[in-house]
């Protein structure tokens, strides 16, 4: 069982260094750590892309509002200004 696990990780090592000549009939030399890390990275990116596709397809955020929060210095009230009515300004001192 342990040999099958070790062989599985070695064969799935995507980061294994290439060998210019054949080494025991293989074109690359994989390691257990490299196979394990390759498997973790592959699962992570597959899950991330899958969750992004799911959220874009089934749960779009139509009620998301884009606004800029403005804090008045004198009365300490926070105002939300929508992006479509916001005009950036520059102050010269």
C-alpha atoms as a PDB file:
ATOM      1  CA  UNK A   1       0.000   0.000   0.000  1.00  0.00           C
ATOM      2  CA  UNK A   2       2.773   2.445   0.919  1.00  0.00           C
ATOM      3  CA  UNK A   3       4.618   1.697  -2.334  1.00  0.00           C
ATOM      4  CA  UNK A   4       1.456   2.424  -4.352  1.00  0.00           C
ATOM      5  CA  UNK A   5       1.060   5.794  -2.580  1.00  0.00           C
ATOM      6  CA  UNK A   6       4.703   6.692  -3.149  1.00  0.00           C
ATOM      7  CA  UNK A   7       4.452   5.672  -6.809  1.00  0.00           C
ATOM      8  CA  UNK A   8       1.236   7.702  -7.183  1.00  0.00           C
ATOM      9  CA  UNK A   9       2.858  10.894  -5.860  1.00  0.00           C
ATOM     10  CA  UNK A  10       6.041  10.391  -7.860  1.00  0.00           C
ATOM     11  CA  UNK A  11       4.112   9.867 -11.100  1.00  0.00           C
ATOM     12  CA  UNK A  12       2.006  12.986 -10.492  1.00  0.00           C
ATOM     13  CA  UNK A  13       4.964  15.275  -9.771  1.00  0.00           C
ATOM     14  CA  UNK A  14       4.467  18.124 -12.245  1.00  0.00           C
ATOM     15  CA  UNK A  15       7.464  20.012 -10.893  1.00  0.00           C
ATOM     16  CA  UNK A  16       9.925  17.138 -11.312  1.00  0.00           C
ATOM     17  CA  UNK A  17      13.183  18.118 -12.944  1.00  0.00           C
ATOM     18  CA  UNK A  18      13.652  16.891 -16.469  1.00  0.00           C
ATOM     19  CA  UNK A  19      16.351  14.347 -17.232  1.00  0.00           C
ATOM     20  CA  UNK A  20      18.054  14.655 -20.582  1.00  0.00           C
ATOM     21  CA  UNK A  21      18.679  10.921 -20.778  1.00  0.00           C
ATOM     22  CA  UNK A  22      16.259   8.223 -19.768  1.00  0.00           C
ATOM     23  CA  UNK A  23      16.466   7.341 -16.084  1.00  0.00           C
ATOM     24  CA  UNK A  24      15.102   3.842 -15.520  1.00  0.00           C
ATOM     25  CA  UNK A  25      12.995   4.257 -18.632  1.00  0.00           C
ATOM     26  CA  UNK A  26      11.430   7.544 -17.464  1.00  0.00           C
ATOM     27  CA  UNK A  27      11.910  10.949 -19.093  1.00  0.00           C
ATOM     28  CA  UNK A  28      11.555  12.814 -15.754  1.00  0.00           C
ATOM     29  CA  UNK A  29      12.458  12.245 -12.127  1.00  0.00           C
ATOM     30  CA  UNK A  30       9.540  12.878  -9.795  1.00  0.00           C
ATOM     31  CA  UNK A  31       9.637  13.060  -6.009  1.00  0.00           C
ATOM     32  CA  UNK A  32       7.042  12.341  -3.346  1.00  0.00           C
ATOM     33  CA  UNK A  33       7.027  15.937  -2.090  1.00  0.00           C
ATOM     34  CA  UNK A  34       6.741  17.306  -5.613  1.00  0.00           C
ATOM     35  CA  UNK A  35       3.830  14.992  -6.399  1.00  0.00           C
ATOM     36  CA  UNK A  36       2.046  15.942  -3.185  1.00  0.00           C
ATOM     37  CA  UNK A  37       2.509  19.674  -3.796  1.00  0.00           C
ATOM     38  CA  UNK A  38       1.412  19.317  -7.419  1.00  0.00           C
ATOM     39  CA  UNK A  39      -1.723  17.516  -6.293  1.00  0.00           C
ATOM     40  CA  UNK A  40      -2.523  20.207  -3.693  1.00  0.00           C
ATOM     41  CA  UNK A  41      -1.998  23.046  -6.200  1.00  0.00           C
ATOM     42  CA  UNK A  42      -4.103  21.298  -8.847  1.00  0.00           C
ATOM     43  CA  UNK A  43      -6.976  20.673  -6.416  1.00  0.00           C
ATOM     44  CA  UNK A  44      -6.804  24.261  -5.095  1.00  0.00           C
ATOM     45  CA  UNK A  45      -6.937  25.881  -8.545  1.00  0.00           C
ATOM     46  CA  UNK A  46      -9.628  23.493  -9.757  1.00  0.00           C
ATOM     47  CA  UNK A  47     -11.806  24.297  -6.735  1.00  0.00           C
ATOM     48  CA  UNK A  48     -11.139  28.037  -7.072  1.00  0.00           C
ATOM     49  CA  UNK A  49     -12.085  28.115 -10.753  1.00  0.00           C
ATOM     50  CA  UNK A  50     -15.129  25.928 -10.100  1.00  0.00           C
ATOM     51  CA  UNK A  51     -16.373  28.159  -7.281  1.00  0.00           C
ATOM     52  CA  UNK A  52     -15.819  31.289  -9.387  1.00  0.00           C
ATOM     53  CA  UNK A  53     -17.789  29.805 -12.288  1.00  0.00           C
ATOM     54  CA  UNK A  54     -20.559  28.743  -9.903  1.00  0.00           C
ATOM     55  CA  UNK A  55     -20.816  32.198  -8.314  1.00  0.00           C
ATOM     56  CA  UNK A  56     -20.773  33.982 -11.682  1.00  0.00           C
ATOM     57  CA  UNK A  57     -23.448  31.668 -13.072  1.00  0.00           C
ATOM     58  CA  UNK A  58     -25.847  31.067 -10.192  1.00  0.00           C
ATOM     59  CA  UNK A  59     -25.372  33.953  -7.753  1.00  0.00           C
ATOM     60  CA  UNK A  60     -24.713  37.178  -9.656  1.00  0.00           C
ATOM     61  CA  UNK A  61     -24.808  40.316  -7.512  1.00  0.00           C
ATOM     62  CA  UNK A  62     -27.281  42.585  -9.269  1.00  0.00           C
ATOM     63  CA  UNK A  63     -27.787  44.775  -6.219  1.00  0.00           C
ATOM     64  CA  UNK A  64     -24.129  45.715  -5.845  1.00  0.00           C
ATOM     65  CA  UNK A  65     -23.744  49.465  -5.657  1.00  0.00           C
ATOM     66  CA  UNK A  66     -20.628  51.395  -6.415  1.00  0.00           C
ATOM     67  CA  UNK A  67     -20.195  54.428  -4.236  1.00  0.00           C
ATOM     68  CA  UNK A  68     -17.529  56.469  -2.507  1.00  0.00           C
ATOM     69  CA  UNK A  69     -17.790  57.170   1.204  1.00  0.00           C
ATOM     70  CA  UNK A  70     -17.073  60.753   2.166  1.00  0.00           C
ATOM     71  CA  UNK A  71     -16.421  61.781   5.780  1.00  0.00           C
ATOM     72  CA  UNK A  72     -17.147  65.409   6.525  1.00  0.00           C
ATOM     73  CA  UNK A  73     -14.569  66.931   8.857  1.00  0.00           C
ATOM     74  CA  UNK A  74     -16.921  69.359  10.584  1.00  0.00           C
ATOM     75  CA  UNK A  75     -20.012  67.324  11.435  1.00  0.00           C
ATOM     76  CA  UNK A  76     -18.520  63.799  11.250  1.00  0.00           C
ATOM     77  CA  UNK A  77     -21.315  62.458   9.075  1.00  0.00           C
ATOM     78  CA  UNK A  78     -20.502  59.838   6.459  1.00  0.00           C
ATOM     79  CA  UNK A  79     -21.990  60.464   3.023  1.00  0.00           C
ATOM     80  CA  UNK A  80     -22.161  57.863   0.264  1.00  0.00           C
ATOM     81  CA  UNK A  81     -21.748  59.415  -3.157  1.00  0.00           C
ATOM     82  CA  UNK A  82     -22.638  57.191  -6.136  1.00  0.00           C
ATOM     83  CA  UNK A  83     -19.889  56.786  -8.737  1.00  0.00           C
ATOM     84  CA  UNK A  84     -22.073  58.210 -11.525  1.00  0.00           C
ATOM     85  CA  UNK A  85     -22.429  61.507  -9.604  1.00  0.00           C
ATOM     86  CA  UNK A  86     -18.869  61.575  -8.316  1.00  0.00           C
ATOM     87  CA  UNK A  87     -16.412  63.961  -9.903  1.00  0.00           C
ATOM     88  CA  UNK A  88     -12.804  63.713  -8.754  1.00  0.00           C
ATOM     89  CA  UNK A  89     -11.190  67.015  -7.818  1.00  0.00           C
ATOM     90  CA  UNK A  90      -7.644  68.131  -7.159  1.00  0.00           C
ATOM     91  CA  UNK A  91      -6.727  70.780  -4.625  1.00  0.00           C
ATOM     92  CA  UNK A  92      -3.663  72.943  -5.176  1.00  0.00           C
ATOM     93  CA  UNK A  93      -2.137  74.441  -2.076  1.00  0.00           C
END
